[in-house]
Amino acid sequence: MATQKHLLITGSSTVSWKDAIVQAVSEASKTIDYLTNVKILDQRATISGKKLTEFFVDLDLSFTIDRERED
């Protein structure tokens, strides 16, 4: 039986919400092995003038715990 662990992270981008998600998962995958799922919990943006200037996403990342892994 696999055990899943969840990690809440916030990603940001000046391009789009999708880019914020992609960048956050990419960064997390550099230090966390066995990522399996992502759930988008919230989205928000900064407004400057009449434009959206920065996009934020709160994510729930899931990954499998490898009990047999050696350090």
PDB file of N, CA and C in Angstrom:
ATOM      1  N   MET A   1       0.844  -1.181   0.000  1.00  0.00           N
ATOM      2  CA  MET A   1       0.000   0.000   0.000  1.00  0.00           C
ATOM      3  C   MET A   1       0.890   1.246   0.000  1.00  0.00           C
ATOM      4  N   ALA A   2       0.623   2.156  -0.892  1.00  0.00           N
ATOM      5  CA  ALA A   2       1.385   3.401  -0.993  1.00  0.00           C
ATOM      6  C   ALA A   2       0.793   4.446  -0.053  1.00  0.00           C
ATOM      7  N   THR A   3       1.676   5.213   0.547  1.00  0.00           N
ATOM      8  CA  THR A   3       1.259   6.299   1.423  1.00  0.00           C
ATOM      9  C   THR A   3       1.536   7.612   0.702  1.00  0.00           C
ATOM     10  N   GLN A   4       0.532   8.475   0.678  1.00  0.00           N
ATOM     11  CA  GLN A   4       0.655   9.775   0.041  1.00  0.00           C
ATOM     12  C   GLN A   4       0.824  10.855   1.101  1.00  0.00           C
ATOM     13  N   LYS A   5       1.651  11.823   0.802  1.00  0.00           N
ATOM     14  CA  LYS A   5       1.819  12.981   1.660  1.00  0.00           C
ATOM     15  C   LYS A   5       1.405  14.203   0.853  1.00  0.00           C
ATOM     16  N   HIS A   6       0.861  15.220   1.528  1.00  0.00           N
ATOM     17  CA  HIS A   6       0.401  16.431   0.853  1.00  0.00           C
ATOM     18  C   HIS A   6       1.226  17.624   1.317  1.00  0.00           C
ATOM     19  N   LEU A   7       1.479  18.497   0.380  1.00  0.00           N
ATOM     20  CA  LEU A   7       2.252  19.702   0.649  1.00  0.00           C
ATOM     21  C   LEU A   7       1.512  20.876   0.019  1.00  0.00           C
ATOM     22  N   LEU A   8       1.268  21.916   0.798  1.00  0.00           N
ATOM     23  CA  LEU A   8       0.600  23.112   0.285  1.00  0.00           C
ATOM     24  C   LEU A   8       1.659  24.128  -0.111  1.00  0.00           C
ATOM     25  N   ILE A   9       1.593  24.588  -1.364  1.00  0.00           N
ATOM     26  CA  ILE A   9       2.547  25.579  -1.853  1.00  0.00           C
ATOM     27  C   ILE A   9       1.809  26.678  -2.608  1.00  0.00           C
ATOM     28  N   THR A  10       2.467  27.809  -2.767  1.00  0.00           N
ATOM     29  CA  THR A  10       1.930  28.915  -3.560  1.00  0.00           C
ATOM     30  C   THR A  10       2.902  29.209  -4.689  1.00  0.00           C
ATOM     31  N   GLY A  11       2.381  29.265  -5.905  1.00  0.00           N
ATOM     32  CA  GLY A  11       3.181  29.613  -7.074  1.00  0.00           C
ATOM     33  C   GLY A  11       2.778  30.974  -7.606  1.00  0.00           C
ATOM     34  N   SER A  12       3.684  31.610  -8.332  1.00  0.00           N
ATOM     35  CA  SER A  12       3.355  32.919  -8.910  1.00  0.00           C
ATOM     36  C   SER A  12       3.965  33.048 -10.299  1.00  0.00           C
ATOM     37  N   SER A  13       3.374  33.948 -11.077  1.00  0.00           N
ATOM     38  CA  SER A  13       3.844  34.203 -12.438  1.00  0.00           C
ATOM     39  C   SER A  13       3.349  35.574 -12.875  1.00  0.00           C
ATOM     40  N   THR A  14       4.092  36.202 -13.754  1.00  0.00           N
ATOM     41  CA  THR A  14       3.631  37.462 -14.354  1.00  0.00           C
ATOM     42  C   THR A  14       2.945  37.197 -15.690  1.00  0.00           C
ATOM     43  N   VAL A  15       2.842  35.911 -16.087  1.00  0.00           N
ATOM     44  CA  VAL A  15       2.264  35.544 -17.385  1.00  0.00           C
ATOM     45  C   VAL A  15       0.804  35.119 -17.264  1.00  0.00           C
ATOM     46  N   SER A  16       0.528  34.100 -16.411  1.00  0.00           N
ATOM     47  CA  SER A  16      -0.828  33.551 -16.297  1.00  0.00           C
ATOM     48  C   SER A  16      -0.928  32.629 -15.092  1.00  0.00           C
ATOM     49  N   TRP A  17      -2.168  32.231 -14.755  1.00  0.00           N
ATOM     50  CA  TRP A  17      -2.368  31.257 -13.688  1.00  0.00           C
ATOM     51  C   TRP A  17      -1.787  29.910 -14.104  1.00  0.00           C
ATOM     52  N   LYS A  18      -1.976  29.540 -15.362  1.00  0.00           N
ATOM     53  CA  LYS A  18      -1.431  28.269 -15.840  1.00  0.00           C
ATOM     54  C   LYS A  18       0.093  28.253 -15.689  1.00  0.00           C
ATOM     55  N   ASP A  19       0.732  29.326 -16.054  1.00  0.00           N
ATOM     56  CA  ASP A  19       2.188  29.404 -15.925  1.00  0.00           C
ATOM     57  C   ASP A  19       2.612  29.321 -14.460  1.00  0.00           C
ATOM     58  N   ALA A  20       1.840  29.927 -13.565  1.00  0.00           N
ATOM     59  CA  ALA A  20       2.144  29.847 -12.136  1.00  0.00           C
ATOM     60  C   ALA A  20       2.083  28.401 -11.656  1.00  0.00           C
ATOM     61  N   ILE A  21       1.108  27.643 -12.134  1.00  0.00           N
ATOM     62  CA  ILE A  21       0.980  26.228 -11.781  1.00  0.00           C
ATOM     63  C   ILE A  21       2.172  25.444 -12.317  1.00  0.00           C
ATOM     64  N   VAL A  22       2.476  25.623 -13.589  1.00  0.00           N
ATOM     65  CA  VAL A  22       3.577  24.891 -14.227  1.00  0.00           C
ATOM     66  C   VAL A  22       4.903  25.207 -13.537  1.00  0.00           C
ATOM     67  N   GLN A  23       5.145  26.472 -13.242  1.00  0.00           N
ATOM     68  CA  GLN A  23       6.392  26.866 -12.589  1.00  0.00           C
ATOM     69  C   GLN A  23       6.500  26.295 -11.172  1.00  0.00           C
ATOM     70  N   ALA A  24       5.394  26.320 -10.431  1.00  0.00           N
ATOM     71  CA  ALA A  24       5.404  25.804  -9.059  1.00  0.00           C
ATOM     72  C   ALA A  24       5.673  24.305  -9.037  1.00  0.00           C
ATOM     73  N   VAL A  25       5.028  23.554  -9.925  1.00  0.00           N
ATOM     74  CA  VAL A  25       5.249  22.107  -9.985  1.00  0.00           C
ATOM     75  C   VAL A  25       6.681  21.816 -10.431  1.00  0.00           C
ATOM     76  N   SER A  26       7.175  22.575 -11.384  1.00  0.00           N
ATOM     77  CA  SER A  26       8.546  22.397 -11.859  1.00  0.00           C
ATOM     78  C   SER A  26       9.553  22.630 -10.739  1.00  0.00           C
ATOM     79  N   GLU A  27       9.375  23.691  -9.980  1.00  0.00           N
ATOM     80  CA  GLU A  27      10.282  23.988  -8.867  1.00  0.00           C
ATOM     81  C   GLU A  27      10.194  22.917  -7.785  1.00  0.00           C
ATOM     82  N   ALA A  28       8.984  22.506  -7.446  1.00  0.00           N
ATOM     83  CA  ALA A  28       8.807  21.484  -6.405  1.00  0.00           C
ATOM     84  C   ALA A  28       9.452  20.164  -6.821  1.00  0.00           C
ATOM     85  N   SER A  29       9.368  19.835  -8.100  1.00  0.00           N
ATOM     86  CA  SER A  29       9.915  18.555  -8.574  1.00  0.00           C
ATOM     87  C   SER A  29      11.448  18.510  -8.497  1.00  0.00           C
ATOM     88  N   LYS A  30      12.080  19.652  -8.330  1.00  0.00           N
ATOM     89  CA  LYS A  30      13.542  19.682  -8.196  1.00  0.00           C
ATOM     90  C   LYS A  30      14.004  19.127  -6.855  1.00  0.00           C
ATOM     91  N   THR A  31      13.152  19.220  -5.840  1.00  0.00           N
ATOM     92  CA  THR A  31      13.550  18.766  -4.505  1.00  0.00           C
ATOM     93  C   THR A  31      12.635  17.690  -3.912  1.00  0.00           C
ATOM     94  N   ILE A  32      11.513  17.406  -4.557  1.00  0.00           N
ATOM     95  CA  ILE A  32      10.581  16.395  -4.047  1.00  0.00           C
ATOM     96  C   ILE A  32      10.429  15.305  -5.098  1.00  0.00           C
ATOM     97  N   ASP A  33      10.730  14.074  -4.697  1.00  0.00           N
ATOM     98  CA  ASP A  33      10.580  12.936  -5.601  1.00  0.00           C
ATOM     99  C   ASP A  33       9.165  12.372  -5.528  1.00  0.00           C
ATOM    100  N   TYR A  34       8.789  11.647  -6.555  1.00  0.00           N
ATOM    101  CA  TYR A  34       7.537  10.882  -6.606  1.00  0.00           C
ATOM    102  C   TYR A  34       6.273  11.749  -6.552  1.00  0.00           C
ATOM    103  N   LEU A  35       6.303  12.938  -7.153  1.00  0.00           N
ATOM    104  CA  LEU A  35       5.078  13.749  -7.245  1.00  0.00           C
ATOM    105  C   LEU A  35       4.040  12.973  -8.042  1.00  0.00           C
ATOM    106  N   THR A  36       2.796  12.985  -7.557  1.00  0.00           N
ATOM    107  CA  THR A  36       1.750  12.210  -8.227  1.00  0.00           C
ATOM    108  C   THR A  36       0.546  13.030  -8.669  1.00  0.00           C
ATOM    109  N   ASN A  37       0.166  14.047  -7.891  1.00  0.00           N
ATOM    110  CA  ASN A  37      -1.039  14.822  -8.200  1.00  0.00           C
ATOM    111  C   ASN A  37      -0.869  16.272  -7.784  1.00  0.00           C
ATOM    112  N   VAL A  38      -1.667  17.106  -8.419  1.00  0.00           N
ATOM    113  CA  VAL A  38      -1.749  18.505  -8.005  1.00  0.00           C
ATOM    114  C   VAL A  38      -3.222  18.902  -8.001  1.00  0.00           C
ATOM    115  N   LYS A  39      -3.617  19.621  -6.972  1.00  0.00           N
ATOM    116  CA  LYS A  39      -4.981  20.134  -6.869  1.00  0.00           C
ATOM    117  C   LYS A  39      -4.890  21.649  -6.702  1.00  0.00           C
ATOM    118  N   ILE A  40      -5.603  22.383  -7.537  1.00  0.00           N
ATOM    119  CA  ILE A  40      -5.613  23.838  -7.444  1.00  0.00           C
ATOM    120  C   ILE A  40      -6.641  24.228  -6.390  1.00  0.00           C
ATOM    121  N   LEU A  41      -6.167  24.879  -5.331  1.00  0.00           N
ATOM    122  CA  LEU A  41      -7.046  25.250  -4.225  1.00  0.00           C
ATOM    123  C   LEU A  41      -7.609  26.664  -4.375  1.00  0.00           C
ATOM    124  N   ASP A  42      -6.789  27.569  -4.897  1.00  0.00           N
ATOM    125  CA  ASP A  42      -7.217  28.966  -4.992  1.00  0.00           C
ATOM    126  C   ASP A  42      -6.395  29.672  -6.060  1.00  0.00           C
ATOM    127  N   GLN A  43      -6.987  30.695  -6.659  1.00  0.00           N
ATOM    128  CA  GLN A  43      -6.302  31.529  -7.637  1.00  0.00           C
ATOM    129  C   GLN A  43      -6.607  32.986  -7.302  1.00  0.00           C
ATOM    130  N   ARG A  44      -5.593  33.835  -7.456  1.00  0.00           N
ATOM    131  CA  ARG A  44      -5.806  35.263  -7.251  1.00  0.00           C
ATOM    132  C   ARG A  44      -4.774  36.032  -8.074  1.00  0.00           C
ATOM    133  N   ALA A  45      -4.965  37.327  -8.186  1.00  0.00           N
ATOM    134  CA  ALA A  45      -4.047  38.132  -8.994  1.00  0.00           C
ATOM    135  C   ALA A  45      -3.911  39.524  -8.409  1.00  0.00           C
ATOM    136  N   THR A  46      -2.792  40.148  -8.737  1.00  0.00           N
ATOM    137  CA  THR A  46      -2.554  41.537  -8.378  1.00  0.00           C
ATOM    138  C   THR A  46      -2.996  42.400  -9.559  1.00  0.00           C
ATOM    139  N   ILE A  47      -3.659  43.497  -9.249  1.00  0.00           N
ATOM    140  CA  ILE A  47      -4.127  44.422 -10.282  1.00  0.00           C
ATOM    141  C   ILE A  47      -3.320  45.709 -10.170  1.00  0.00           C
ATOM    142  N   SER A  48      -2.819  46.164 -11.311  1.00  0.00           N
ATOM    143  CA  SER A  48      -2.128  47.447 -11.376  1.00  0.00           C
ATOM    144  C   SER A  48      -2.787  48.245 -12.494  1.00  0.00           C
ATOM    145  N   GLY A  49      -3.380  49.354 -12.128  1.00  0.00           N
ATOM    146  CA  GLY A  49      -4.157  50.109 -13.119  1.00  0.00           C
ATOM    147  C   GLY A  49      -5.384  49.296 -13.484  1.00  0.00           C
ATOM    148  N   LYS A  50      -5.511  48.934 -14.742  1.00  0.00           N
ATOM    149  CA  LYS A  50      -6.633  48.116 -15.215  1.00  0.00           C
ATOM    150  C   LYS A  50      -6.168  46.748 -15.686  1.00  0.00           C
ATOM    151  N   LYS A  51      -4.933  46.357 -15.316  1.00  0.00           N
ATOM    152  CA  LYS A  51      -4.369  45.098 -15.804  1.00  0.00           C
ATOM    153  C   LYS A  51      -4.003  44.170 -14.657  1.00  0.00           C
ATOM    154  N   LEU A  52      -4.114  42.876 -14.934  1.00  0.00           N
ATOM    155  CA  LEU A  52      -3.602  41.874 -14.015  1.00  0.00           C
ATOM    156  C   LEU A  52      -2.093  41.800 -14.225  1.00  0.00           C
ATOM    157  N   THR A  53      -1.342  41.949 -13.150  1.00  0.00           N
ATOM    158  CA  THR A  53       0.113  42.015 -13.299  1.00  0.00           C
ATOM    159  C   THR A  53       0.848  40.819 -12.705  1.00  0.00           C
ATOM    160  N   GLU A  54       0.252  40.155 -11.724  1.00  0.00           N
ATOM    161  CA  GLU A  54       0.878  38.959 -11.165  1.00  0.00           C
ATOM    162  C   GLU A  54      -0.209  37.973 -10.767  1.00  0.00           C
ATOM    163  N   PHE A  55       0.025  36.721 -11.101  1.00  0.00           N
ATOM    164  CA  PHE A  55      -0.940  35.654 -10.868  1.00  0.00           C
ATOM    165  C   PHE A  55      -0.419  34.720  -9.787  1.00  0.00           C
ATOM    166  N   PHE A  56      -1.301  34.322  -8.859  1.00  0.00           N
ATOM    167  CA  PHE A  56      -0.924  33.445  -7.760  1.00  0.00           C
ATOM    168  C   PHE A  56      -1.845  32.229  -7.729  1.00  0.00           C
ATOM    169  N   VAL A  57      -1.296  31.081  -7.391  1.00  0.00           N
ATOM    170  CA  VAL A  57      -2.088  29.865  -7.223  1.00  0.00           C
ATOM    171  C   VAL A  57      -1.653  29.159  -5.939  1.00  0.00           C
ATOM    172  N   ASP A  58      -2.628  28.696  -5.183  1.00  0.00           N
ATOM    173  CA  ASP A  58      -2.352  27.850  -4.029  1.00  0.00           C
ATOM    174  C   ASP A  58      -2.608  26.415  -4.471  1.00  0.00           C
ATOM    175  N   LEU A  59      -1.610  25.559  -4.269  1.00  0.00           N
ATOM    176  CA  LEU A  59      -1.673  24.184  -4.754  1.00  0.00           C
ATOM    177  C   LEU A  59      -1.509  23.195  -3.607  1.00  0.00           C
ATOM    178  N   ASP A  60      -2.182  22.060  -3.762  1.00  0.00           N
ATOM    179  CA  ASP A  60      -1.992  20.910  -2.877  1.00  0.00           C
ATOM    180  C   ASP A  60      -1.262  19.866  -3.714  1.00  0.00           C
ATOM    181  N   LEU A  61       0.031  19.674  -3.446  1.00  0.00           N
ATOM    182  CA  LEU A  61       0.822  18.680  -4.168  1.00  0.00           C
ATOM    183  C   LEU A  61       0.823  17.377  -3.380  1.00  0.00           C
ATOM    184  N   SER A  62       0.647  16.274  -4.078  1.00  0.00           N
ATOM    185  CA  SER A  62       0.711  14.955  -3.452  1.00  0.00           C
ATOM    186  C   SER A  62       1.933  14.225  -3.964  1.00  0.00           C
ATOM    187  N   PHE A  63       2.560  13.486  -3.066  1.00  0.00           N
ATOM    188  CA  PHE A  63       3.673  12.646  -3.481  1.00  0.00           C
ATOM    189  C   PHE A  63       3.680  11.375  -2.657  1.00  0.00           C
ATOM    190  N   THR A  64       4.243  10.334  -3.242  1.00  0.00           N
ATOM    191  CA  THR A  64       4.303   9.032  -2.598  1.00  0.00           C
ATOM    192  C   THR A  64       5.527   8.958  -1.694  1.00  0.00           C
ATOM    193  N   ILE A  65       5.325   8.433  -0.499  1.00  0.00           N
ATOM    194  CA  ILE A  65       6.435   8.229   0.423  1.00  0.00           C
ATOM    195  C   ILE A  65       7.075   6.885   0.097  1.00  0.00           C
ATOM    196  N   ASP A  66       8.375   6.904  -0.123  1.00  0.00           N
ATOM    197  CA  ASP A  66       9.127   5.684  -0.437  1.00  0.00           C
ATOM    198  C   ASP A  66       9.803   5.194   0.845  1.00  0.00           C
ATOM    199  N   ARG A  67       9.202   4.236   1.485  1.00  0.00           N
ATOM    200  CA  ARG A  67       9.719   3.722   2.754  1.00  0.00           C
ATOM    201  C   ARG A  67      11.004   2.925   2.589  1.00  0.00           C
ATOM    202  N   GLU A  68      11.308   2.485   1.370  1.00  0.00           N
ATOM    203  CA  GLU A  68      12.490   1.678   1.128  1.00  0.00           C
ATOM    204  C   GLU A  68      13.677   2.504   0.616  1.00  0.00           C
ATOM    205  N   ARG A  69      13.490   3.787   0.466  1.00  0.00           N
ATOM    206  CA  ARG A  69      14.529   4.663  -0.036  1.00  0.00           C
ATOM    207  C   ARG A  69      15.679   4.782   0.963  1.00  0.00           C
ATOM    208  N   GLU A  70      16.890   4.748   0.451  1.00  0.00           N
ATOM    209  CA  GLU A  70      18.054   4.952   1.298  1.00  0.00           C
ATOM    210  C   GLU A  70      18.573   6.362   1.067  1.00  0.00           C
ATOM    211  N   ASP A  71      19.002   7.012   2.121  1.00  0.00           N
ATOM    212  CA  ASP A  71      19.505   8.381   2.006  1.00  0.00           C
ATOM    213  C   ASP A  71      20.840   8.459   1.354  1.00  0.00           C
TER     214      ASP A  71
END
